[in-house]
Structures are given as C-alpha cells and as structure tokens.
C-alpha cells in the first residue's frame, strides 16, 4: 500500500510503518480558511 488514492488523488501513503501506533492520511487538504471558526 505504498501509494493510496485518498479523496480522488493518487498519493504516497504515510511512512515509515509503526506496528502499534500506525500513521494515516488524516484527511484531505483544506481550502484556505475552511476551518477558521471551528479551529478558533
């Protein structure tokens, strides 16, 4: 699973691999300011 398709885009998967606390693509790229109110 070195490459994955996430949100319609082919991209490299997170690396390196950790056995107990694996990494993951946490979400799509944001639009600038998309989460302003939510984050604040």
ModelCIF file with pLDDT and N, C-alpha, C, O atoms, coordinates in Angstrom:
data_MODEL
#
_entry.id   MODEL 
#
_entity.id                         1 
_entity.type                       polymer 
_entity.pdbx_number_of_molecules   1 
#
_entity_poly.entity_id                      1 
_entity_poly.type                           'polypeptide(L)' 
_entity_poly.nstd_linkage                   no 
_entity_poly.nstd_monomer                   no 
_entity_poly.pdbx_seq_one_letter_code       
;(UNK)(UNK)(UNK)(UNK)(UNK)(UNK)(UNK)(UNK)(UNK)(UNK)(UNK)(UNK)(UNK)(UNK)(UNK)(UNK)
(UNK)(UNK)(UNK)(UNK)(UNK)(UNK)(UNK)(UNK)(UNK)(UNK)(UNK)(UNK)(UNK)(UNK)(UNK)(UNK)
(UNK)(UNK)(UNK)(UNK)(UNK)(UNK)(UNK)(UNK)
;
_entity_poly.pdbx_seq_one_letter_code_can   XXXXXXXXXXXXXXXXXXXXXXXXXXXXXXXXXXXXXXXX 
_entity_poly.pdbx_strand_id                 A 
#
loop_
_entity_poly_seq.entity_id 
_entity_poly_seq.num 
_entity_poly_seq.mon_id 
_entity_poly_seq.hetero 
1 1  UNK n 
1 2  UNK n 
1 3  UNK n 
1 4  UNK n 
1 5  UNK n 
1 6  UNK n 
1 7  UNK n 
1 8  UNK n 
1 9  UNK n 
1 10 UNK n 
1 11 UNK n 
1 12 UNK n 
1 13 UNK n 
1 14 UNK n 
1 15 UNK n 
1 16 UNK n 
1 17 UNK n 
1 18 UNK n 
1 19 UNK n 
1 20 UNK n 
1 21 UNK n 
1 22 UNK n 
1 23 UNK n 
1 24 UNK n 
1 25 UNK n 
1 26 UNK n 
1 27 UNK n 
1 28 UNK n 
1 29 UNK n 
1 30 UNK n 
1 31 UNK n 
1 32 UNK n 
1 33 UNK n 
1 34 UNK n 
1 35 UNK n 
1 36 UNK n 
1 37 UNK n 
1 38 UNK n 
1 39 UNK n 
1 40 UNK n 
#
_struct_asym.id          A 
_struct_asym.entity_id   1 
#
loop_
_ma_qa_metric.id 
_ma_qa_metric.mode 
_ma_qa_metric.name 
_ma_qa_metric.software_group_id 
_ma_qa_metric.type 
1 global pLDDT . pLDDT 
2 local  pLDDT . pLDDT 
#
_ma_qa_metric_global.metric_id      1 
_ma_qa_metric_global.metric_value   96.15 
_ma_qa_metric_global.model_id       1 
_ma_qa_metric_global.ordinal_id     1 
#
loop_
_ma_qa_metric_local.label_asym_id 
_ma_qa_metric_local.label_comp_id 
_ma_qa_metric_local.label_seq_id 
_ma_qa_metric_local.metric_id 
_ma_qa_metric_local.metric_value 
_ma_qa_metric_local.model_id 
_ma_qa_metric_local.ordinal_id 
A UNK 1  2 97.00 1 1  
A UNK 2  2 98.00 1 2  
A UNK 3  2 98.00 1 3  
A UNK 4  2 97.00 1 4  
A UNK 5  2 96.00 1 5  
A UNK 6  2 94.00 1 6  
A UNK 7  2 91.00 1 7  
A UNK 8  2 93.00 1 8  
A UNK 9  2 96.00 1 9  
A UNK 10 2 97.00 1 10 
A UNK 11 2 97.00 1 11 
A UNK 12 2 98.00 1 12 
A UNK 13 2 98.00 1 13 
A UNK 14 2 98.00 1 14 
A UNK 15 2 97.00 1 15 
A UNK 16 2 97.00 1 16 
A UNK 17 2 96.00 1 17 
A UNK 18 2 97.00 1 18 
A UNK 19 2 97.00 1 19 
A UNK 20 2 96.00 1 20 
A UNK 21 2 97.00 1 21 
A UNK 22 2 96.00 1 22 
A UNK 23 2 97.00 1 23 
A UNK 24 2 96.00 1 24 
A UNK 25 2 96.00 1 25 
A UNK 26 2 93.00 1 26 
A UNK 27 2 94.00 1 27 
A UNK 28 2 95.00 1 28 
A UNK 29 2 96.00 1 29 
A UNK 30 2 95.00 1 30 
A UNK 31 2 94.00 1 31 
A UNK 32 2 95.00 1 32 
A UNK 33 2 96.00 1 33 
A UNK 34 2 96.00 1 34 
A UNK 35 2 97.00 1 35 
A UNK 36 2 97.00 1 36 
A UNK 37 2 97.00 1 37 
A UNK 38 2 97.00 1 38 
A UNK 39 2 97.00 1 39 
A UNK 40 2 97.00 1 40 
#
loop_
_atom_site.group_PDB 
_atom_site.id 
_atom_site.type_symbol 
_atom_site.label_atom_id 
_atom_site.label_alt_id 
_atom_site.label_comp_id 
_atom_site.label_asym_id 
_atom_site.label_entity_id 
_atom_site.label_seq_id 
_atom_site.pdbx_PDB_ins_code 
_atom_site.Cartn_x 
_atom_site.Cartn_y 
_atom_site.Cartn_z 
_atom_site.occupancy 
_atom_site.B_iso_or_equiv 
_atom_site.pdbx_formal_charge 
_atom_site.auth_seq_id 
_atom_site.auth_comp_id 
_atom_site.auth_asym_id 
_atom_site.auth_atom_id 
_atom_site.pdbx_PDB_model_num 
ATOM 1   N N  . UNK A 1 1  ? 0.819   -1.208 0.000  1.00 97.00 ? 1  UNK A N  1 
ATOM 2   C CA . UNK A 1 1  ? 0.000   0.000  0.000  1.00 97.00 ? 1  UNK A CA 1 
ATOM 3   C C  . UNK A 1 1  ? 0.849   1.252  0.000  1.00 97.00 ? 1  UNK A C  1 
ATOM 4   O O  . UNK A 1 1  ? 0.523   2.232  0.670  1.00 97.00 ? 1  UNK A O  1 
ATOM 5   N N  . UNK A 1 2  ? 1.943   1.224  -0.753 1.00 98.00 ? 2  UNK A N  1 
ATOM 6   C CA . UNK A 1 2  ? 2.876   2.349  -0.759 1.00 98.00 ? 2  UNK A CA 1 
ATOM 7   C C  . UNK A 1 2  ? 2.234   3.602  -1.333 1.00 98.00 ? 2  UNK A C  1 
ATOM 8   O O  . UNK A 1 2  ? 2.491   4.709  -0.860 1.00 98.00 ? 2  UNK A O  1 
ATOM 9   N N  . UNK A 1 3  ? 1.396   3.430  -2.355 1.00 98.00 ? 3  UNK A N  1 
ATOM 10  C CA . UNK A 1 3  ? 0.587   4.525  -2.880 1.00 98.00 ? 3  UNK A CA 1 
ATOM 11  C C  . UNK A 1 3  ? -0.875  4.244  -2.548 1.00 98.00 ? 3  UNK A C  1 
ATOM 12  O O  . UNK A 1 3  ? -1.320  3.097  -2.586 1.00 98.00 ? 3  UNK A O  1 
ATOM 13  N N  . UNK A 1 4  ? -1.602  5.282  -2.230 1.00 97.00 ? 4  UNK A N  1 
ATOM 14  C CA . UNK A 1 4  ? -3.028  5.153  -1.940 1.00 97.00 ? 4  UNK A CA 1 
ATOM 15  C C  . UNK A 1 4  ? -3.779  6.211  -2.730 1.00 97.00 ? 4  UNK A C  1 
ATOM 16  O O  . UNK A 1 4  ? -3.205  7.222  -3.134 1.00 97.00 ? 4  UNK A O  1 
ATOM 17  N N  . UNK A 1 5  ? -5.039  5.975  -2.944 1.00 96.00 ? 5  UNK A N  1 
ATOM 18  C CA . UNK A 1 5  ? -5.907  7.008  -3.502 1.00 96.00 ? 5  UNK A CA 1 
ATOM 19  C C  . UNK A 1 5  ? -6.780  7.528  -2.384 1.00 96.00 ? 5  UNK A C  1 
ATOM 20  O O  . UNK A 1 5  ? -7.593  6.793  -1.824 1.00 96.00 ? 5  UNK A O  1 
ATOM 21  N N  . UNK A 1 6  ? -6.611  8.804  -2.061 1.00 94.00 ? 6  UNK A N  1 
ATOM 22  C CA . UNK A 1 6  ? -7.384  9.435  -0.997 1.00 94.00 ? 6  UNK A CA 1 
ATOM 23  C C  . UNK A 1 6  ? -8.031  10.692 -1.553 1.00 94.00 ? 6  UNK A C  1 
ATOM 24  O O  . UNK A 1 6  ? -7.363  11.542 -2.141 1.00 94.00 ? 6  UNK A O  1 
ATOM 25  N N  . UNK A 1 7  ? -9.336  10.800 -1.359 1.00 91.00 ? 7  UNK A N  1 
ATOM 26  C CA . UNK A 1 7  ? -10.093 11.964 -1.837 1.00 91.00 ? 7  UNK A CA 1 
ATOM 27  C C  . UNK A 1 7  ? -9.865  12.191 -3.329 1.00 91.00 ? 7  UNK A C  1 
ATOM 28  O O  . UNK A 1 7  ? -9.773  13.326 -3.796 1.00 91.00 ? 7  UNK A O  1 
ATOM 29  N N  . UNK A 1 8  ? -9.775  11.075 -4.070 1.00 93.00 ? 8  UNK A N  1 
ATOM 30  C CA . UNK A 1 8  ? -9.663  11.142 -5.513 1.00 93.00 ? 8  UNK A CA 1 
ATOM 31  C C  . UNK A 1 8  ? -8.288  11.459 -6.046 1.00 93.00 ? 8  UNK A C  1 
ATOM 32  O O  . UNK A 1 8  ? -8.141  11.687 -7.247 1.00 93.00 ? 8  UNK A O  1 
ATOM 33  N N  . UNK A 1 9  ? -7.261  11.482 -5.191 1.00 96.00 ? 9  UNK A N  1 
ATOM 34  C CA . UNK A 1 9  ? -5.909  11.834 -5.614 1.00 96.00 ? 9  UNK A CA 1 
ATOM 35  C C  . UNK A 1 9  ? -4.959  10.688 -5.282 1.00 96.00 ? 9  UNK A C  1 
ATOM 36  O O  . UNK A 1 9  ? -4.895  10.244 -4.135 1.00 96.00 ? 9  UNK A O  1 
ATOM 37  N N  . UNK A 1 10 ? -4.221  10.211 -6.281 1.00 97.00 ? 10 UNK A N  1 
ATOM 38  C CA . UNK A 1 10 ? -3.178  9.215  -6.035 1.00 97.00 ? 10 UNK A CA 1 
ATOM 39  C C  . UNK A 1 10 ? -2.022  9.886  -5.315 1.00 97.00 ? 10 UNK A C  1 
ATOM 40  O O  . UNK A 1 10 ? -1.530  10.923 -5.760 1.00 97.00 ? 10 UNK A O  1 
ATOM 41  N N  . UNK A 1 11 ? -1.579  9.295  -4.196 1.00 97.00 ? 11 UNK A N  1 
ATOM 42  C CA . UNK A 1 11 ? -0.557  9.933  -3.373 1.00 97.00 ? 11 UNK A CA 1 
ATOM 43  C C  . UNK A 1 11 ? 0.188   8.887  -2.551 1.00 97.00 ? 11 UNK A C  1 
ATOM 44  O O  . UNK A 1 11 ? -0.312  7.780  -2.353 1.00 97.00 ? 11 UNK A O  1 
ATOM 45  N N  . UNK A 1 12 ? 1.391   9.237  -2.070 1.00 98.00 ? 12 UNK A N  1 
ATOM 46  C CA . UNK A 1 12 ? 2.131   8.274  -1.249 1.00 98.00 ? 12 UNK A CA 1 
ATOM 47  C C  . UNK A 1 12 ? 1.471   8.097  0.107  1.00 98.00 ? 12 UNK A C  1 
ATOM 48  O O  . UNK A 1 12 ? 0.978   9.053  0.706  1.00 98.00 ? 12 UNK A O  1 
ATOM 49  N N  . UNK A 1 13 ? 1.472   6.873  0.576  1.00 98.00 ? 13 UNK A N  1 
ATOM 50  C CA . UNK A 1 13 ? 0.957   6.585  1.913  1.00 98.00 ? 13 UNK A CA 1 
ATOM 51  C C  . UNK A 1 13 ? 1.948   7.075  2.962  1.00 98.00 ? 13 UNK A C  1 
ATOM 52  O O  . UNK A 1 13 ? 3.134   7.218  2.664  1.00 98.00 ? 13 UNK A O  1 
ATOM 53  N N  . UNK A 1 14 ? 1.487   7.334  4.184  1.00 98.00 ? 14 UNK A N  1 
ATOM 54  C CA . UNK A 1 14 ? 2.413   7.727  5.254  1.00 98.00 ? 14 UNK A CA 1 
ATOM 55  C C  . UNK A 1 14 ? 3.483   6.672  5.476  1.00 98.00 ? 14 UNK A C  1 
ATOM 56  O O  . UNK A 1 14 ? 3.238   5.477  5.310  1.00 98.00 ? 14 UNK A O  1 
ATOM 57  N N  . UNK A 1 15 ? 4.658   7.118  5.848  1.00 97.00 ? 15 UNK A N  1 
ATOM 58  C CA . UNK A 1 15 ? 5.789   6.233  6.130  1.00 97.00 ? 15 UNK A CA 1 
ATOM 59  C C  . UNK A 1 15 ? 6.657   6.907  7.188  1.00 97.00 ? 15 UNK A C  1 
ATOM 60  O O  . UNK A 1 15 ? 6.655   8.133  7.292  1.00 97.00 ? 15 UNK A O  1 
ATOM 61  N N  . UNK A 1 16 ? 7.408   6.116  7.984  1.00 97.00 ? 16 UNK A N  1 
ATOM 62  C CA . UNK A 1 16 ? 7.504   4.663  7.974  1.00 97.00 ? 16 UNK A CA 1 
ATOM 63  C C  . UNK A 1 16 ? 6.333   4.006  8.692  1.00 97.00 ? 16 UNK A C  1 
ATOM 64  O O  . UNK A 1 16 ? 5.458   4.687  9.226  1.00 97.00 ? 16 UNK A O  1 
ATOM 65  N N  . UNK A 1 17 ? 6.325   2.664  8.700  1.00 96.00 ? 17 UNK A N  1 
ATOM 66  C CA . UNK A 1 17 ? 5.230   1.903  9.303  1.00 96.00 ? 17 UNK A CA 1 
ATOM 67  C C  . UNK A 1 17 ? 5.531   1.642  10.773 1.00 96.00 ? 17 UNK A C  1 
ATOM 68  O O  . UNK A 1 17 ? 6.608   1.151  11.108 1.00 96.00 ? 17 UNK A O  1 
ATOM 69  N N  . UNK A 1 18 ? 4.602   1.962  11.637 1.00 97.00 ? 18 UNK A N  1 
ATOM 70  C CA . UNK A 1 18 ? 4.733   1.683  13.063 1.00 97.00 ? 18 UNK A CA 1 
ATOM 71  C C  . UNK A 1 18 ? 3.736   0.596  13.434 1.00 97.00 ? 18 UNK A C  1 
ATOM 72  O O  . UNK A 1 18 ? 2.579   0.648  13.016 1.00 97.00 ? 18 UNK A O  1 
ATOM 73  N N  . UNK A 1 19 ? 4.173   -0.387 14.213 1.00 97.00 ? 19 UNK A N  1 
ATOM 74  C CA . UNK A 1 19 ? 3.347   -1.567 14.459 1.00 97.00 ? 19 UNK A CA 1 
ATOM 75  C C  . UNK A 1 19 ? 2.177   -1.298 15.399 1.00 97.00 ? 19 UNK A C  1 
ATOM 76  O O  . UNK A 1 19 ? 1.101   -1.864 15.209 1.00 97.00 ? 19 UNK A O  1 
ATOM 77  N N  . UNK A 1 20 ? 2.364   -0.445 16.413 1.00 96.00 ? 20 UNK A N  1 
ATOM 78  C CA . UNK A 1 20 ? 1.316   -0.265 17.423 1.00 96.00 ? 20 UNK A CA 1 
ATOM 79  C C  . UNK A 1 20 ? 0.533   1.025  17.237 1.00 96.00 ? 20 UNK A C  1 
ATOM 80  O O  . UNK A 1 20 ? -0.659  1.074  17.542 1.00 96.00 ? 20 UNK A O  1 
ATOM 81  N N  . UNK A 1 21 ? 1.191   2.078  16.738 1.00 97.00 ? 21 UNK A N  1 
ATOM 82  C CA . UNK A 1 21 ? 0.515   3.360  16.552 1.00 97.00 ? 21 UNK A CA 1 
ATOM 83  C C  . UNK A 1 21 ? 0.709   3.817  15.109 1.00 97.00 ? 21 UNK A C  1 
ATOM 84  O O  . UNK A 1 21 ? 1.448   4.766  14.847 1.00 97.00 ? 21 UNK A O  1 
ATOM 85  N N  . UNK A 1 22 ? 0.043   3.138  14.175 1.00 96.00 ? 22 UNK A N  1 
ATOM 86  C CA . UNK A 1 22 ? 0.300   3.415  12.759 1.00 96.00 ? 22 UNK A CA 1 
ATOM 87  C C  . UNK A 1 22 ? -0.123  4.813  12.346 1.00 96.00 ? 22 UNK A C  1 
ATOM 88  O O  . UNK A 1 22 ? -1.043  5.404  12.910 1.00 96.00 ? 22 UNK A O  1 
ATOM 89  N N  . UNK A 1 23 ? 0.576   5.318  11.350 1.00 97.00 ? 23 UNK A N  1 
ATOM 90  C CA . UNK A 1 23 ? 0.235   6.608  10.768 1.00 97.00 ? 23 UNK A CA 1 
ATOM 91  C C  . UNK A 1 23 ? -0.914  6.435  9.780  1.00 97.00 ? 23 UNK A C  1 
ATOM 92  O O  . UNK A 1 23 ? -1.231  5.319  9.369  1.00 97.00 ? 23 UNK A O  1 
ATOM 93  N N  . UNK A 1 24 ? -1.533  7.550  9.404  1.00 96.00 ? 24 UNK A N  1 
ATOM 94  C CA . UNK A 1 24 ? -2.648  7.501  8.463  1.00 96.00 ? 24 UNK A CA 1 
ATOM 95  C C  . UNK A 1 24 ? -2.820  8.858  7.804  1.00 96.00 ? 24 UNK A C  1 
ATOM 96  O O  . UNK A 1 24 ? -2.437  9.887  8.360  1.00 96.00 ? 24 UNK A O  1 
ATOM 97  N N  . UNK A 1 25 ? -3.406  8.848  6.602  1.00 96.00 ? 25 UNK A N  1 
ATOM 98  C CA . UNK A 1 25 ? -3.824  10.106 5.982  1.00 96.00 ? 25 UNK A CA 1 
ATOM 99  C C  . UNK A 1 25 ? -5.021  10.605 6.767  1.00 96.00 ? 25 UNK A C  1 
ATOM 100 O O  . UNK A 1 25 ? -6.091  9.997  6.730  1.00 96.00 ? 25 UNK A O  1 
ATOM 101 N N  . UNK A 1 26 ? -4.845  11.714 7.482  1.00 93.00 ? 26 UNK A N  1 
ATOM 102 C CA . UNK A 1 26 ? -5.863  12.161 8.439  1.00 93.00 ? 26 UNK A CA 1 
ATOM 103 C C  . UNK A 1 26 ? -7.030  12.890 7.787  1.00 93.00 ? 26 UNK A C  1 
ATOM 104 O O  . UNK A 1 26 ? -8.060  13.099 8.428  1.00 93.00 ? 26 UNK A O  1 
ATOM 105 N N  . UNK A 1 27 ? -6.886  13.278 6.533  1.00 94.00 ? 27 UNK A N  1 
ATOM 106 C CA . UNK A 1 27 ? -7.970  13.990 5.883  1.00 94.00 ? 27 UNK A CA 1 
ATOM 107 C C  . UNK A 1 27 ? -7.474  14.697 4.645  1.00 94.00 ? 27 UNK A C  1 
ATOM 108 O O  . UNK A 1 27 ? -6.271  14.710 4.388  1.00 94.00 ? 27 UNK A O  1 
ATOM 109 N N  . UNK A 1 28 ? -8.366  15.286 3.871  1.00 95.00 ? 28 UNK A N  1 
ATOM 110 C CA . UNK A 1 28 ? -7.971  15.948 2.631  1.00 95.00 ? 28 UNK A CA 1 
ATOM 111 C C  . UNK A 1 28 ? -7.294  17.288 2.896  1.00 95.00 ? 28 UNK A C  1 
ATOM 112 O O  . UNK A 1 28 ? -7.379  17.812 4.007  1.00 95.00 ? 28 UNK A O  1 
ATOM 113 N N  . UNK A 1 29 ? -6.623  17.846 1.893  1.00 96.00 ? 29 UNK A N  1 
ATOM 114 C CA . UNK A 1 29 ? -6.050  19.183 2.046  1.00 96.00 ? 29 UNK A CA 1 
ATOM 115 C C  . UNK A 1 29 ? -7.175  20.202 2.242  1.00 96.00 ? 29 UNK A C  1 
ATOM 116 O O  . UNK A 1 29 ? -8.208  20.107 1.578  1.00 96.00 ? 29 UNK A O  1 
ATOM 117 N N  . UNK A 1 30 ? -6.994  21.165 3.133  1.00 95.00 ? 30 UNK A N  1 
ATOM 118 C CA . UNK A 1 30 ? -8.060  22.147 3.356  1.00 95.00 ? 30 UNK A CA 1 
ATOM 119 C C  . UNK A 1 30 ? -7.994  23.290 2.359  1.00 95.00 ? 30 UNK A C  1 
ATOM 120 O O  . UNK A 1 30 ? -6.926  23.600 1.830  1.00 95.00 ? 30 UNK A O  1 
ATOM 121 N N  . UNK A 1 31 ? -9.113  23.906 2.107  1.00 94.00 ? 31 UNK A N  1 
ATOM 122 C CA . UNK A 1 31 ? -9.132  25.194 1.433  1.00 94.00 ? 31 UNK A CA 1 
ATOM 123 C C  . UNK A 1 31 ? -8.691  26.245 2.450  1.00 94.00 ? 31 UNK A C  1 
ATOM 124 O O  . UNK A 1 31 ? -8.998  26.115 3.635  1.00 94.00 ? 31 UNK A O  1 
ATOM 125 N N  . UNK A 1 32 ? -7.975  27.286 2.010  1.00 95.00 ? 32 UNK A N  1 
ATOM 126 C CA . UNK A 1 32 ? -7.554  28.326 2.966  1.00 95.00 ? 32 UNK A CA 1 
ATOM 127 C C  . UNK A 1 32 ? -8.734  28.903 3.728  1.00 95.00 ? 32 UNK A C  1 
ATOM 128 O O  . UNK A 1 32 ? -9.705  29.379 3.139  1.00 95.00 ? 32 UNK A O  1 
ATOM 129 N N  . UNK A 1 33 ? -8.631  28.851 5.052  1.00 96.00 ? 33 UNK A N  1 
ATOM 130 C CA . UNK A 1 33 ? -9.678  29.388 5.906  1.00 96.00 ? 33 UNK A CA 1 
ATOM 131 C C  . UNK A 1 33 ? -10.885 28.501 6.070  1.00 96.00 ? 33 UNK A C  1 
ATOM 132 O O  . UNK A 1 33 ? -11.876 28.927 6.662  1.00 96.00 ? 33 UNK A O  1 
ATOM 133 N N  . UNK A 1 34 ? -10.840 27.288 5.571  1.00 96.00 ? 34 UNK A N  1 
ATOM 134 C CA . UNK A 1 34 ? -12.007 26.405 5.594  1.00 96.00 ? 34 UNK A CA 1 
ATOM 135 C C  . UNK A 1 34 ? -12.504 26.109 7.006  1.00 96.00 ? 34 UNK A C  1 
ATOM 136 O O  . UNK A 1 34 ? -13.696 25.882 7.211  1.00 96.00 ? 34 UNK A O  1 
ATOM 137 N N  . UNK A 1 35 ? -11.600 26.111 7.974  1.00 97.00 ? 35 UNK A N  1 
ATOM 138 C CA . UNK A 1 35 ? -11.975 25.709 9.339  1.00 97.00 ? 35 UNK A CA 1 
ATOM 139 C C  . UNK A 1 35 ? -11.789 26.842 10.349 1.00 97.00 ? 35 UNK A C  1 
ATOM 140 O O  . UNK A 1 35 ? -11.607 26.584 11.539 1.00 97.00 ? 35 UNK A O  1 
ATOM 141 N N  . UNK A 1 36 ? -11.831 28.075 9.892  1.00 97.00 ? 36 UNK A N  1 
ATOM 142 C CA . UNK A 1 36 ? -11.488 29.193 10.775 1.00 97.00 ? 36 UNK A CA 1 
ATOM 143 C C  . UNK A 1 36 ? -12.303 29.178 12.063 1.00 97.00 ? 36 UNK A C  1 
ATOM 144 O O  . UNK A 1 36 ? -11.732 29.147 13.153 1.00 97.00 ? 36 UNK A O  1 
ATOM 145 N N  . UNK A 1 37 ? -13.610 29.198 11.954 1.00 97.00 ? 37 UNK A N  1 
ATOM 146 C CA . UNK A 1 37 ? -14.451 29.257 13.160 1.00 97.00 ? 37 UNK A CA 1 
ATOM 147 C C  . UNK A 1 37 ? -14.285 28.011 14.012 1.00 97.00 ? 37 UNK A C  1 
ATOM 148 O O  . UNK A 1 37 ? -14.202 28.090 15.237 1.00 97.00 ? 37 UNK A O  1 
ATOM 149 N N  . UNK A 1 38 ? -14.238 26.862 13.353 1.00 97.00 ? 38 UNK A N  1 
ATOM 150 C CA . UNK A 1 38 ? -14.116 25.587 14.064 1.00 97.00 ? 38 UNK A CA 1 
ATOM 151 C C  . UNK A 1 38 ? -12.835 25.529 14.883 1.00 97.00 ? 38 UNK A C  1 
ATOM 152 O O  . UNK A 1 38 ? -12.853 25.128 16.047 1.00 97.00 ? 38 UNK A O  1 
ATOM 153 N N  . UNK A 1 39 ? -11.716 25.934 14.270 1.00 97.00 ? 39 UNK A N  1 
ATOM 154 C CA . UNK A 1 39 ? -10.429 25.876 14.962 1.00 97.00 ? 39 UNK A CA 1 
ATOM 155 C C  . UNK A 1 39 ? -10.374 26.895 16.096 1.00 97.00 ? 39 UNK A C  1 
ATOM 156 O O  . UNK A 1 39 ? -9.957  26.566 17.207 1.00 97.00 ? 39 UNK A O  1 
ATOM 157 N N  . UNK A 1 40 ? -10.788 28.116 15.825 1.00 97.00 ? 40 UNK A N  1 
ATOM 158 C CA . UNK A 1 40 ? -10.715 29.143 16.871 1.00 97.00 ? 40 UNK A CA 1 
ATOM 159 C C  . UNK A 1 40 ? -11.557 28.745 18.073 1.00 97.00 ? 40 UNK A C  1 
ATOM 160 O O  . UNK A 1 40 ? -11.621 29.485 19.054 1.00 97.00 ? 40 UNK A O  1 
#
